[in-house]
PDB file of N, CA and C in Angstrom:
ATOM      1  N   MET A   1    -161.625  43.422-169.389  1.00  0.00           N
ATOM      2  CA  MET A   1    -160.861  42.269-169.827  1.00  0.00           C
ATOM      3  C   MET A   1    -161.776  41.056-169.977  1.00  0.00           C
ATOM      4  N   SER A   2    -161.470  40.257-170.954  1.00  0.00           N
ATOM      5  CA  SER A   2    -162.216  39.019-171.159  1.00  0.00           C
ATOM      6  C   SER A   2    -161.783  37.996-170.102  1.00  0.00           C
ATOM      7  N   PRO A   3    -162.593  36.962-169.874  1.00  0.00           N
ATOM      8  CA  PRO A   3    -162.169  35.910-168.938  1.00  0.00           C
ATOM      9  C   PRO A   3    -160.802  35.324-169.307  1.00  0.00           C
ATOM     10  N   ARG A   4    -160.552  35.117-170.582  1.00  0.00           N
ATOM     11  CA  ARG A   4    -159.262  34.578-171.022  1.00  0.00           C
ATOM     12  C   ARG A   4    -158.118  35.522-170.635  1.00  0.00           C
ATOM     13  N   GLN A   5    -158.291  36.805-170.863  1.00  0.00           N
ATOM     14  CA  GLN A   5    -157.252  37.782-170.514  1.00  0.00           C
ATOM     15  C   GLN A   5    -157.016  37.819-169.010  1.00  0.00           C
ATOM     16  N   VAL A   6    -158.084  37.734-168.233  1.00  0.00           N
ATOM     17  CA  VAL A   6    -157.938  37.732-166.773  1.00  0.00           C
ATOM     18  C   VAL A   6    -157.100  36.526-166.343  1.00  0.00           C
ATOM     19  N   VAL A   7    -157.386  35.357-166.902  1.00  0.00           N
ATOM     20  CA  VAL A   7    -156.645  34.159-166.521  1.00  0.00           C
ATOM     21  C   VAL A   7    -155.200  34.233-167.019  1.00  0.00           C
ATOM     22  N   GLU A   8    -154.973  34.810-168.170  1.00  0.00           N
ATOM     23  CA  GLU A   8    -153.589  35.010-168.628  1.00  0.00           C
ATOM     24  C   GLU A   8    -152.826  35.903-167.645  1.00  0.00           C
ATOM     25  N   ASN A   9    -153.480  36.958-167.151  1.00  0.00           N
ATOM     26  CA  ASN A   9    -152.860  37.815-166.131  1.00  0.00           C
ATOM     27  C   ASN A   9    -152.663  37.064-164.826  1.00  0.00           C
ATOM     28  N   TRP A  10    -153.620  36.186-164.488  1.00  0.00           N
ATOM     29  CA  TRP A  10    -153.515  35.373-163.284  1.00  0.00           C
ATOM     30  C   TRP A  10    -152.283  34.469-163.363  1.00  0.00           C
ATOM     31  N   VAL A  11    -152.092  33.799-164.501  1.00  0.00           N
ATOM     32  CA  VAL A  11    -150.931  32.914-164.682  1.00  0.00           C
ATOM     33  C   VAL A  11    -149.638  33.712-164.543  1.00  0.00           C
ATOM     34  N   ASP A  12    -149.588  34.884-165.145  1.00  0.00           N
ATOM     35  CA  ASP A  12    -148.390  35.721-165.063  1.00  0.00           C
ATOM     36  C   ASP A  12    -148.080  36.098-163.609  1.00  0.00           C
ATOM     37  N   ALA A  13    -149.086  36.558-162.871  1.00  0.00           N
ATOM     38  CA  ALA A  13    -148.884  36.932-161.462  1.00  0.00           C
ATOM     39  C   ALA A  13    -148.517  35.713-160.622  1.00  0.00           C
ATOM     40  N   PHE A  14    -149.159  34.581-160.874  1.00  0.00           N
ATOM     41  CA  PHE A  14    -148.869  33.349-160.138  1.00  0.00           C
ATOM     42  C   PHE A  14    -147.408  32.951-160.342  1.00  0.00           C
ATOM     43  N   ASN A  15    -146.941  32.996-161.574  1.00  0.00           N
ATOM     44  CA  ASN A  15    -145.571  32.577-161.868  1.00  0.00           C
ATOM     45  C   ASN A  15    -144.531  33.561-161.330  1.00  0.00           C
ATOM     46  N   ARG A  16    -144.938  34.766-161.008  1.00  0.00           N
ATOM     47  CA  ARG A  16    -144.048  35.728-160.336  1.00  0.00           C
ATOM     48  C   ARG A  16    -144.164  35.605-158.816  1.00  0.00           C
ATOM     49  N   ALA A  17    -145.059  34.732-158.336  1.00  0.00           N
ATOM     50  CA  ALA A  17    -145.349  34.587-156.905  1.00  0.00           C
ATOM     51  C   ALA A  17    -145.775  35.930-156.312  1.00  0.00           C
ATOM     52  N   ASP A  18    -146.608  36.653-157.052  1.00  0.00           N
ATOM     53  CA  ASP A  18    -147.049  37.993-156.668  1.00  0.00           C
ATOM     54  C   ASP A  18    -148.463  37.916-156.098  1.00  0.00           C
ATOM     55  N   ALA A  19    -148.556  37.668-154.807  1.00  0.00           N
ATOM     56  CA  ALA A  19    -149.853  37.510-154.149  1.00  0.00           C
ATOM     57  C   ALA A  19    -150.693  38.777-154.236  1.00  0.00           C
ATOM     58  N   GLU A  20    -150.060  39.926-154.177  1.00  0.00           N
ATOM     59  CA  GLU A  20    -150.801  41.189-154.259  1.00  0.00           C
ATOM     60  C   GLU A  20    -151.449  41.351-155.634  1.00  0.00           C
ATOM     61  N   ALA A  21    -150.696  41.070-156.693  1.00  0.00           N
ATOM     62  CA  ALA A  21    -151.256  41.157-158.044  1.00  0.00           C
ATOM     63  C   ALA A  21    -152.372  40.138-158.236  1.00  0.00           C
ATOM     64  N   LEU A  22    -152.208  38.947-157.666  1.00  0.00           N
ATOM     65  CA  LEU A  22    -153.270  37.948-157.743  1.00  0.00           C
ATOM     66  C   LEU A  22    -154.521  38.444-157.030  1.00  0.00           C
ATOM     67  N   GLY A  23    -154.345  38.947-155.824  1.00  0.00           N
ATOM     68  CA  GLY A  23    -155.484  39.450-155.067  1.00  0.00           C
ATOM     69  C   GLY A  23    -156.266  40.510-155.822  1.00  0.00           C
ATOM     70  N   ALA A  24    -155.567  41.352-156.553  1.00  0.00           N
ATOM     71  CA  ALA A  24    -156.212  42.427-157.300  1.00  0.00           C
ATOM     72  C   ALA A  24    -157.091  41.909-158.438  1.00  0.00           C
ATOM     73  N   LEU A  25    -156.913  40.657-158.821  1.00  0.00           N
ATOM     74  CA  LEU A  25    -157.708  40.083-159.913  1.00  0.00           C
ATOM     75  C   LEU A  25    -159.062  39.546-159.446  1.00  0.00           C
ATOM     76  N   TYR A  26    -159.298  39.523-158.125  1.00  0.00           N
ATOM     77  CA  TYR A  26    -160.529  38.951-157.565  1.00  0.00           C
ATOM     78  C   TYR A  26    -161.494  40.044-157.117  1.00  0.00           C
ATOM     79  N   LEU A  27    -162.785  39.750-157.224  1.00  0.00           N
ATOM     80  CA  LEU A  27    -163.799  40.611-156.630  1.00  0.00           C
ATOM     81  C   LEU A  27    -163.662  40.576-155.113  1.00  0.00           C
ATOM     82  N   GLU A  28    -164.170  41.586-154.452  1.00  0.00           N
ATOM     83  CA  GLU A  28    -164.085  41.678-152.994  1.00  0.00           C
ATOM     84  C   GLU A  28    -164.675  40.445-152.307  1.00  0.00           C
ATOM     85  N   ASP A  29    -165.775  39.920-152.852  1.00  0.00           N
ATOM     86  CA  ASP A  29    -166.450  38.777-152.228  1.00  0.00           C
ATOM     87  C   ASP A  29    -166.222  37.466-152.993  1.00  0.00           C
ATOM     88  N   ALA A  30    -165.132  37.377-153.703  1.00  0.00           N
ATOM     89  CA  ALA A  30    -164.825  36.191-154.508  1.00  0.00           C
ATOM     90  C   ALA A  30    -164.640  34.952-153.640  1.00  0.00           C
ATOM     91  N   ILE A  31    -164.768  33.808-154.279  1.00  0.00           N
ATOM     92  CA  ILE A  31    -164.524  32.517-153.631  1.00  0.00           C
ATOM     93  C   ILE A  31    -163.511  31.752-154.462  1.00  0.00           C
ATOM     94  N   ASN A  32    -162.495  31.213-153.801  1.00  0.00           N
ATOM     95  CA  ASN A  32    -161.506  30.350-154.442  1.00  0.00           C
ATOM     96  C   ASN A  32    -161.627  28.993-153.761  1.00  0.00           C
ATOM     97  N   HIS A  33    -162.070  28.002-154.524  1.00  0.00           N
ATOM     98  CA  HIS A  33    -162.237  26.669-153.953  1.00  0.00           C
ATOM     99  C   HIS A  33    -161.332  25.685-154.684  1.00  0.00           C
ATOM    100  N   GLN A  34    -160.210  25.394-154.091  1.00  0.00           N
ATOM    101  CA  GLN A  34    -159.360  24.308-154.564  1.00  0.00           C
ATOM    102  C   GLN A  34    -159.930  23.066-153.907  1.00  0.00           C
ATOM    103  N   VAL A  35    -160.458  22.136-154.703  1.00  0.00           N
ATOM    104  CA  VAL A  35    -161.279  21.064-154.142  1.00  0.00           C
ATOM    105  C   VAL A  35    -160.548  20.180-153.142  1.00  0.00           C
ATOM    106  N   ALA A  36    -159.227  20.233-153.142  1.00  0.00           N
ATOM    107  CA  ALA A  36    -158.467  19.485-152.143  1.00  0.00           C
ATOM    108  C   ALA A  36    -158.477  20.198-150.784  1.00  0.00           C
ATOM    109  N   ASN A  37    -158.988  21.420-150.758  1.00  0.00           N
ATOM    110  CA  ASN A  37    -158.994  22.243-149.547  1.00  0.00           C
ATOM    111  C   ASN A  37    -160.380  22.860-149.352  1.00  0.00           C
ATOM    112  N   GLU A  38    -160.552  23.497-148.210  1.00  0.00           N
ATOM    113  CA  GLU A  38    -161.792  24.223-147.950  1.00  0.00           C
ATOM    114  C   GLU A  38    -161.829  25.491-148.810  1.00  0.00           C
ATOM    115  N   PRO A  39    -163.021  25.965-149.196  1.00  0.00           N
ATOM    116  CA  PRO A  39    -163.117  27.205-149.959  1.00  0.00           C
ATOM    117  C   PRO A  39    -162.560  28.387-149.162  1.00  0.00           C
ATOM    118  N   VAL A  40    -161.964  29.325-149.874  1.00  0.00           N
ATOM    119  CA  VAL A  40    -161.457  30.558-149.278  1.00  0.00           C
ATOM    120  C   VAL A  40    -162.346  31.678-149.794  1.00  0.00           C
ATOM    121  N   GLU A  41    -162.900  32.467-148.877  1.00  0.00           N
ATOM    122  CA  GLU A  41    -163.867  33.495-149.257  1.00  0.00           C
ATOM    123  C   GLU A  41    -163.324  34.888-149.000  1.00  0.00           C
ATOM    124  N   GLY A  42    -163.429  35.747-150.003  1.00  0.00           N
ATOM    125  CA  GLY A  42    -163.041  37.143-149.901  1.00  0.00           C
ATOM    126  C   GLY A  42    -161.654  37.402-150.462  1.00  0.00           C
ATOM    127  N   ARG A  43    -161.521  38.554-151.120  1.00  0.00           N
ATOM    128  CA  ARG A  43    -160.252  38.932-151.758  1.00  0.00           C
ATOM    129  C   ARG A  43    -159.086  38.910-150.770  1.00  0.00           C
ATOM    130  N   ALA A  44    -159.260  39.491-149.603  1.00  0.00           N
ATOM    131  CA  ALA A  44    -158.155  39.563-148.625  1.00  0.00           C
ATOM    132  C   ALA A  44    -157.724  38.161-148.190  1.00  0.00           C
ATOM    133  N   ALA A  45    -158.687  37.279-147.960  1.00  0.00           N
ATOM    134  CA  ALA A  45    -158.359  35.914-147.549  1.00  0.00           C
ATOM    135  C   ALA A  45    -157.684  35.142-148.679  1.00  0.00           C
ATOM    136  N   ILE A  46    -158.118  35.386-149.903  1.00  0.00           N
ATOM    137  CA  ILE A  46    -157.499  34.725-151.058  1.00  0.00           C
ATOM    138  C   ILE A  46    -156.059  35.194-151.216  1.00  0.00           C
ATOM    139  N   GLN A  47    -155.837  36.498-151.096  1.00  0.00           N
ATOM    140  CA  GLN A  47    -154.474  37.023-151.184  1.00  0.00           C
ATOM    141  C   GLN A  47    -153.603  36.444-150.075  1.00  0.00           C
ATOM    142  N   ALA A  48    -154.120  36.381-148.867  1.00  0.00           N
ATOM    143  CA  ALA A  48    -153.363  35.812-147.737  1.00  0.00           C
ATOM    144  C   ALA A  48    -153.042  34.337-147.988  1.00  0.00           C
ATOM    145  N   MET A  49    -153.974  33.602-148.604  1.00  0.00           N
ATOM    146  CA  MET A  49    -153.734  32.200-148.939  1.00  0.00           C
ATOM    147  C   MET A  49    -152.545  32.091-149.890  1.00  0.00           C
ATOM    148  N   PHE A  50    -152.528  32.930-150.929  1.00  0.00           N
ATOM    149  CA  PHE A  50    -151.408  32.900-151.870  1.00  0.00           C
ATOM    150  C   PHE A  50    -150.097  33.279-151.183  1.00  0.00           C
ATOM    151  N   GLU A  51    -150.131  34.258-150.287  1.00  0.00           N
ATOM    152  CA  GLU A  51    -148.911  34.643-149.556  1.00  0.00           C
ATOM    153  C   GLU A  51    -148.359  33.458-148.772  1.00  0.00           C
ATOM    154  N   ARG A  52    -149.239  32.734-148.071  1.00  0.00           N
ATOM    155  CA  ARG A  52    -148.807  31.558-147.307  1.00  0.00           C
ATOM    156  C   ARG A  52    -148.254  30.475-148.231  1.00  0.00           C
ATOM    157  N   GLU A  53    -148.957  30.221-149.318  1.00  0.00           N
ATOM    158  CA  GLU A  53    -148.533  29.152-150.225  1.00  0.00           C
ATOM    159  C   GLU A  53    -147.192  29.467-150.884  1.00  0.00           C
ATOM    160  N   PHE A  54    -146.989  30.702-151.308  1.00  0.00           N
ATOM    161  CA  PHE A  54    -145.725  31.067-151.945  1.00  0.00           C
ATOM    162  C   PHE A  54    -144.571  31.034-150.942  1.00  0.00           C
ATOM    163  N   ALA A  55    -144.876  31.240-149.659  1.00  0.00           N
ATOM    164  CA  ALA A  55    -143.836  31.189-148.631  1.00  0.00           C
ATOM    165  C   ALA A  55    -143.419  29.756-148.308  1.00  0.00           C
ATOM    166  N   THR A  56    -144.284  28.788-148.615  1.00  0.00           N
ATOM    167  CA  THR A  56    -143.994  27.405-148.227  1.00  0.00           C
ATOM    168  C   THR A  56    -143.672  26.469-149.386  1.00  0.00           C
ATOM    169  N   ALA A  57    -143.969  26.876-150.613  1.00  0.00           N
ATOM    170  CA  ALA A  57    -143.748  25.973-151.751  1.00  0.00           C
ATOM    171  C   ALA A  57    -143.397  26.769-153.000  1.00  0.00           C
ATOM    172  N   GLU A  58    -142.525  26.193-153.810  1.00  0.00           N
ATOM    173  CA  GLU A  58    -142.249  26.776-155.115  1.00  0.00           C
ATOM    174  C   GLU A  58    -143.259  26.218-156.088  1.00  0.00           C
ATOM    175  N   MET A  59    -143.983  27.117-156.719  1.00  0.00           N
ATOM    176  CA  MET A  59    -145.038  26.683-157.629  1.00  0.00           C
ATOM    177  C   MET A  59    -144.904  27.429-158.945  1.00  0.00           C
ATOM    178  N   GLN A  60    -145.215  26.737-160.015  1.00  0.00           N
ATOM    179  CA  GLN A  60    -145.219  27.342-161.340  1.00  0.00           C
ATOM    180  C   GLN A  60    -146.374  26.754-162.128  1.00  0.00           C
ATOM    181  N   CYS A  61    -147.034  27.583-162.888  1.00  0.00           N
ATOM    182  CA  CYS A  61    -148.172  27.177-163.701  1.00  0.00           C
ATOM    183  C   CYS A  61    -147.781  27.286-165.174  1.00  0.00           C
ATOM    184  N   ILE A  62    -147.724  26.141-165.844  1.00  0.00           N
ATOM    185  CA  ILE A  62    -147.447  26.119-167.276  1.00  0.00           C
ATOM    186  C   ILE A  62    -148.767  25.806-167.976  1.00  0.00           C
ATOM    187  N   PRO A  63    -149.355  26.810-168.635  1.00  0.00           N
ATOM    188  CA  PRO A  63    -150.650  26.590-169.276  1.00  0.00           C
ATOM    189  C   PRO A  63    -150.557  25.540-170.379  1.00  0.00           C
ATOM    190  N   GLY A  64    -151.558  24.679-170.426  1.00  0.00           N
ATOM    191  CA  GLY A  64    -151.697  23.727-171.519  1.00  0.00           C
ATOM    192  C   GLY A  64    -152.761  24.252-172.458  1.00  0.00           C
ATOM    193  N   ASN A  65    -153.998  24.152-172.014  1.00  0.00           N
ATOM    194  CA  ASN A  65    -155.126  24.671-172.783  1.00  0.00           C
ATOM    195  C   ASN A  65    -155.823  25.756-171.983  1.00  0.00           C
ATOM    196  N   LEU A  66    -156.297  26.766-172.678  1.00  0.00           N
ATOM    197  CA  LEU A  66    -157.061  27.837-172.058  1.00  0.00           C
ATOM    198  C   LEU A  66    -158.273  28.099-172.944  1.00  0.00           C
ATOM    199  N   PHE A  67    -159.443  27.822-172.394  1.00  0.00           N
ATOM    200  CA  PHE A  67    -160.683  27.979-173.126  1.00  0.00           C
ATOM    201  C   PHE A  67    -161.520  29.073-172.490  1.00  0.00           C
ATOM    202  N   GLU A  68    -162.364  29.703-173.290  1.00  0.00           N
ATOM    203  CA  GLU A  68    -163.287  30.717-172.794  1.00  0.00           C
ATOM    204  C   GLU A  68    -164.682  30.371-173.274  1.00  0.00           C
ATOM    205  N   ASP A  69    -165.644  30.448-172.360  1.00  0.00           N
ATOM    206  CA  ASP A  69    -167.038  30.195-172.704  1.00  0.00           C
ATOM    207  C   ASP A  69    -167.899  31.148-171.893  1.00  0.00           C
ATOM    208  N   GLY A  70    -168.353  32.197-172.522  1.00  0.00           N
ATOM    209  CA  GLY A  70    -169.152  33.195-171.821  1.00  0.00           C
ATOM    210  C   GLY A  70    -168.340  33.852-170.717  1.00  0.00           C
ATOM    211  N   ALA A  71    -168.853  33.786-169.493  1.00  0.00           N
ATOM    212  CA  ALA A  71    -168.181  34.399-168.343  1.00  0.00           C
ATOM    213  C   ALA A  71    -167.117  33.493-167.734  1.00  0.00           C
ATOM    214  N   TRP A  72    -166.856  32.356-168.360  1.00  0.00           N
ATOM    215  CA  TRP A  72    -165.944  31.367-167.783  1.00  0.00           C
ATOM    216  C   TRP A  72    -164.685  31.204-168.615  1.00  0.00           C
ATOM    217  N   ALA A  73    -163.576  30.999-167.931  1.00  0.00           N
ATOM    218  CA  ALA A  73    -162.324  30.572-168.555  1.00  0.00           C
ATOM    219  C   ALA A  73    -161.920  29.273-167.874  1.00  0.00           C
ATOM    220  N   ILE A  74    -161.424  28.348-168.662  1.00  0.00           N
ATOM    221  CA  ILE A  74    -161.024  27.031-168.160  1.00  0.00           C
ATOM    222  C   ILE A  74    -159.563  26.833-168.515  1.00  0.00           C
ATOM    223  N   LEU A  75    -158.743  26.597-167.509  1.00  0.00           N
ATOM    224  CA  LEU A  75    -157.303  26.468-167.690  1.00  0.00           C
ATOM    225  C   LEU A  75    -156.864  25.055-167.339  1.00  0.00           C
ATOM    226  N   GLU A  76    -156.241  24.387-168.296  1.00  0.00           N
ATOM    227  CA  GLU A  76    -155.588  23.112-168.024  1.00  0.00           C
ATOM    228  C   GLU A  76    -154.101  23.421-167.894  1.00  0.00           C
ATOM    229  N   TRP A  77    -153.457  22.944-166.824  1.00  0.00           N
ATOM    230  CA  TRP A  77    -152.078  23.344-166.543  1.00  0.00           C
ATOM    231  C   TRP A  77    -151.242  22.153-166.075  1.00  0.00           C
ATOM    232  N   ARG A  78    -149.960  22.405-166.030  1.00  0.00           N
ATOM    233  CA  ARG A  78    -149.003  21.475-165.440  1.00  0.00           C
ATOM    234  C   ARG A  78    -147.914  22.311-164.777  1.00  0.00           C
ATOM    235  N   ASP A  79    -147.082  21.641-163.990  1.00  0.00           N
ATOM    236  CA  ASP A  79    -145.916  22.329-163.442  1.00  0.00           C
ATOM    237  C   ASP A  79    -144.664  21.594-163.924  1.00  0.00           C
ATOM    238  N   PRO A  80    -143.478  22.145-163.669  1.00  0.00           N
ATOM    239  CA  PRO A  80    -142.256  21.518-164.173  1.00  0.00           C
ATOM    240  C   PRO A  80    -141.997  20.112-163.631  1.00  0.00           C
ATOM    241  N   ASN A  81    -142.636  19.756-162.502  1.00  0.00           N
ATOM    242  CA  ASN A  81    -142.418  18.443-161.891  1.00  0.00           C
ATOM    243  C   ASN A  81    -143.430  17.391-162.332  1.00  0.00           C
ATOM    244  N   GLY A  82    -144.346  17.766-163.200  1.00  0.00           N
ATOM    245  CA  GLY A  82    -145.306  16.802-163.712  1.00  0.00           C
ATOM    246  C   GLY A  82    -146.683  16.847-163.072  1.00  0.00           C
ATOM    247  N   LEU A  83    -146.875  17.675-162.047  1.00  0.00           N
ATOM    248  CA  LEU A  83    -148.204  17.827-161.463  1.00  0.00           C
ATOM    249  C   LEU A  83    -149.115  18.457-162.511  1.00  0.00           C
ATOM    250  N   ARG A  84    -150.337  17.984-162.586  1.00  0.00           N
ATOM    251  CA  ARG A  84    -151.300  18.501-163.556  1.00  0.00           C
ATOM    252  C   ARG A  84    -152.603  18.842-162.843  1.00  0.00           C
ATOM    253  N   GLY A  85    -153.327  19.771-163.446  1.00  0.00           N
ATOM    254  CA  GLY A  85    -154.623  20.128-162.900  1.00  0.00           C
ATOM    255  C   GLY A  85    -155.390  21.003-163.862  1.00  0.00           C
ATOM    256  N   CYS A  86    -156.544  21.455-163.404  1.00  0.00           N
ATOM    257  CA  CYS A  86    -157.323  22.395-164.202  1.00  0.00           C
ATOM    258  C   CYS A  86    -158.065  23.335-163.260  1.00  0.00           C
ATOM    259  N   GLY A  87    -158.357  24.501-163.786  1.00  0.00           N
ATOM    260  CA  GLY A  87    -159.054  25.502-163.009  1.00  0.00           C
ATOM    261  C   GLY A  87    -160.185  26.113-163.814  1.00  0.00           C
ATOM    262  N   PHE A  88    -161.267  26.414-163.131  1.00  0.00           N
ATOM    263  CA  PHE A  88    -162.426  27.070-163.726  1.00  0.00           C
ATOM    264  C   PHE A  88    -162.562  28.433-163.070  1.00  0.00           C
ATOM    265  N   PHE A  89    -162.614  29.472-163.871  1.00  0.00           N
ATOM    266  CA  PHE A  89    -162.653  30.849-163.386  1.00  0.00           C
ATOM    267  C   PHE A  89    -163.906  31.533-163.925  1.00  0.00           C
ATOM    268  N   GLN A  90    -164.786  31.964-163.032  1.00  0.00           N
ATOM    269  CA  GLN A  90    -165.930  32.773-163.446  1.00  0.00           C
ATOM    270  C   GLN A  90    -165.518  34.238-163.301  1.00  0.00           C
ATOM    271  N   VAL A  91    -165.615  34.983-164.382  1.00  0.00           N
ATOM    272  CA  VAL A  91    -165.158  36.365-164.412  1.00  0.00           C
ATOM    273  C   VAL A  91    -166.356  37.277-164.625  1.00  0.00           C
ATOM    274  N   ILE A  92    -166.497  38.254-163.741  1.00  0.00           N
ATOM    275  CA  ILE A  92    -167.564  39.243-163.827  1.00  0.00           C
ATOM    276  C   ILE A  92    -166.923  40.622-163.810  1.00  0.00           C
ATOM    277  N   ASP A  93    -167.232  41.423-164.807  1.00  0.00           N
ATOM    278  CA  ASP A  93    -166.680  42.783-164.912  1.00  0.00           C
ATOM    279  C   ASP A  93    -165.160  42.796-164.805  1.00  0.00           C
ATOM    280  N   GLY A  94    -164.510  41.837-165.439  1.00  0.00           N
ATOM    281  CA  GLY A  94    -163.053  41.809-165.489  1.00  0.00           C
ATOM    282  C   GLY A  94    -162.365  41.325-164.225  1.00  0.00           C
ATOM    283  N   LYS A  95    -163.120  40.767-163.287  1.00  0.00           N
ATOM    284  CA  LYS A  95    -162.554  40.251-162.032  1.00  0.00           C
ATOM    285  C   LYS A  95    -163.049  38.825-161.795  1.00  0.00           C
ATOM    286  N   ILE A  96    -162.241  38.050-161.098  1.00  0.00           N
ATOM    287  CA  ILE A  96    -162.616  36.676-160.779  1.00  0.00           C
ATOM    288  C   ILE A  96    -163.629  36.694-159.638  1.00  0.00           C
ATOM    289  N   ALA A  97    -164.794  36.117-159.895  1.00  0.00           N
ATOM    290  CA  ALA A  97    -165.835  36.012-158.876  1.00  0.00           C
ATOM    291  C   ALA A  97    -165.772  34.659-158.183  1.00  0.00           C
ATOM    292  N   PHE A  98    -165.437  33.631-158.959  1.00  0.00           N
ATOM    293  CA  PHE A  98    -165.401  32.274-158.430  1.00  0.00           C
ATOM    294  C   PHE A  98    -164.319  31.498-159.155  1.00  0.00           C
ATOM    295  N   GLN A  99    -163.555  30.740-158.398  1.00  0.00           N
ATOM    296  CA  GLN A  99    -162.523  29.877-158.975  1.00  0.00           C
ATOM    297  C   GLN A  99    -162.612  28.513-158.319  1.00  0.00           C
ATOM    298  N   ARG A 100    -162.552  27.480-159.152  1.00  0.00           N
ATOM    299  CA  ARG A 100    -162.500  26.117-158.628  1.00  0.00           C
ATOM    300  C   ARG A 100    -161.329  25.423-159.306  1.00  0.00           C
ATOM    301  N   GLY A 101    -160.491  24.774-158.509  1.00  0.00           N
ATOM    302  CA  GLY A 101    -159.327  24.095-159.051  1.00  0.00           C
ATOM    303  C   GLY A 101    -159.307  22.628-158.672  1.00  0.00           C
ATOM    304  N   TYR A 102    -158.878  21.814-159.620  1.00  0.00           N
ATOM    305  CA  TYR A 102    -158.763  20.371-159.418  1.00  0.00           C
ATOM    306  C   TYR A 102    -157.315  19.961-159.639  1.00  0.00           C
ATOM    307  N   TRP A 103    -156.714  19.332-158.635  1.00  0.00           N
ATOM    308  CA  TRP A 103    -155.346  18.824-158.716  1.00  0.00           C
ATOM    309  C   TRP A 103    -155.182  17.805-157.601  1.00  0.00           C
ATOM    310  N   ASP A 104    -154.162  16.992-157.714  1.00  0.00           N
ATOM    311  CA  ASP A 104    -153.927  15.907-156.766  1.00  0.00           C
ATOM    312  C   ASP A 104    -153.047  16.411-155.616  1.00  0.00           C
ATOM    313  N   LYS A 105    -153.647  16.636-154.468  1.00  0.00           N
ATOM    314  CA  LYS A 105    -152.925  17.183-153.320  1.00  0.00           C
ATOM    315  C   LYS A 105    -151.829  16.237-152.834  1.00  0.00           C
ATOM    316  N   LEU A 106    -152.068  14.948-152.843  1.00  0.00           N
ATOM    317  CA  LEU A 106    -151.053  13.997-152.401  1.00  0.00           C
ATOM    318  C   LEU A 106    -149.822  14.068-153.306  1.00  0.00           C
ATOM    319  N   SER A 107    -150.015  14.125-154.609  1.00  0.00           N
ATOM    320  CA  SER A 107    -148.871  14.253-155.529  1.00  0.00           C
ATOM    321  C   SER A 107    -148.124  15.558-155.283  1.00  0.00           C
ATOM    322  N   PHE A 108    -148.867  16.646-155.049  1.00  0.00           N
ATOM    323  CA  PHE A 108    -148.240  17.942-154.763  1.00  0.00           C
ATOM    324  C   PHE A 108    -147.370  17.851-153.517  1.00  0.00           C
ATOM    325  N   LEU A 109    -147.901  17.273-152.444  1.00  0.00           N
ATOM    326  CA  LEU A 109    -147.148  17.174-151.192  1.00  0.00           C
ATOM    327  C   LEU A 109    -145.925  16.280-151.350  1.00  0.00           C
ATOM    328  N   ARG A 110    -146.076  15.194-152.073  1.00  0.00           N
ATOM    329  CA  ARG A 110    -144.924  14.320-152.329  1.00  0.00           C
ATOM    330  C   ARG A 110    -143.832  15.056-153.089  1.00  0.00           C
ATOM    331  N   LEU A 111    -144.208  15.823-154.098  1.00  0.00           N
ATOM    332  CA  LEU A 111    -143.216  16.580-154.876  1.00  0.00           C
ATOM    333  C   LEU A 111    -142.512  17.612-154.004  1.00  0.00           C
ATOM    334  N   GLN A 112    -143.245  18.255-153.104  1.00  0.00           N
ATOM    335  CA  GLN A 112    -142.641  19.256-152.221  1.00  0.00           C
ATOM    336  C   GLN A 112    -141.650  18.599-151.265  1.00  0.00           C
ATOM    337  N   VAL A 113    -141.994  17.428-150.739  1.00  0.00           N
ATOM    338  CA  VAL A 113    -141.089  16.708-149.832  1.00  0.00           C
ATOM    339  C   VAL A 113    -139.832  16.289-150.585  1.00  0.00           C
ATOM    340  N   MET A 114    -139.988  15.812-151.824  1.00  0.00           N
ATOM    341  CA  MET A 114    -138.841  15.406-152.618  1.00  0.00           C
ATOM    342  C   MET A 114    -137.908  16.589-152.869  1.00  0.00           C
ATOM    343  N   GLU A 115    -138.462  17.776-153.121  1.00  0.00           N
ATOM    344  CA  GLU A 115    -137.635  18.961-153.342  1.00  0.00           C
ATOM    345  C   GLU A 115    -136.873  19.347-152.086  1.00  0.00           C
ATOM    346  N   LEU A 116    -137.508  19.191-150.920  1.00  0.00           N
ATOM    347  CA  LEU A 116    -136.836  19.518-149.669  1.00  0.00           C
ATOM    348  C   LEU A 116    -135.656  18.588-149.406  1.00  0.00           C
ATOM    349  N   LYS A 117    -135.760  17.333-149.827  1.00  0.00           N
ATOM    350  CA  LYS A 117    -134.702  16.368-149.594  1.00  0.00           C
ATOM    351  C   LYS A 117    -133.488  16.617-150.511  1.00  0.00           C
ATOM    352  N   LEU A 118    -133.735  17.285-151.652  1.00  0.00           N
ATOM    353  CA  LEU A 118    -132.634  17.540-152.592  1.00  0.00           C
ATOM    354  C   LEU A 118    -131.770  18.605-152.100  1.00  0.00           C
TER     355      LEU A 118
END
């Protein structure tokens, strides 16, 4: 799979809140670094991170732009509540080796609190 196809599959699994399918998209020694948090290292730890996140927050990824450049795919996204961000995915042999995401953690937490109050 091309980097673009891998990220398209990633978005699909993310929007289904399928941590197992997400985990399967990463190399065994992959790193996921959401810059608002500490890096998560290893497929099992990345899958566990998604399991925790899906259990505590409703999240949806609406792709805006998706670019591919060599081994990299770059995803610009938003969610239904207006949160925006982008992710960089390095793909090796059809699996994510490295992911870095940029988004505003304070805005995310505020949106989650607002949803809980509703």
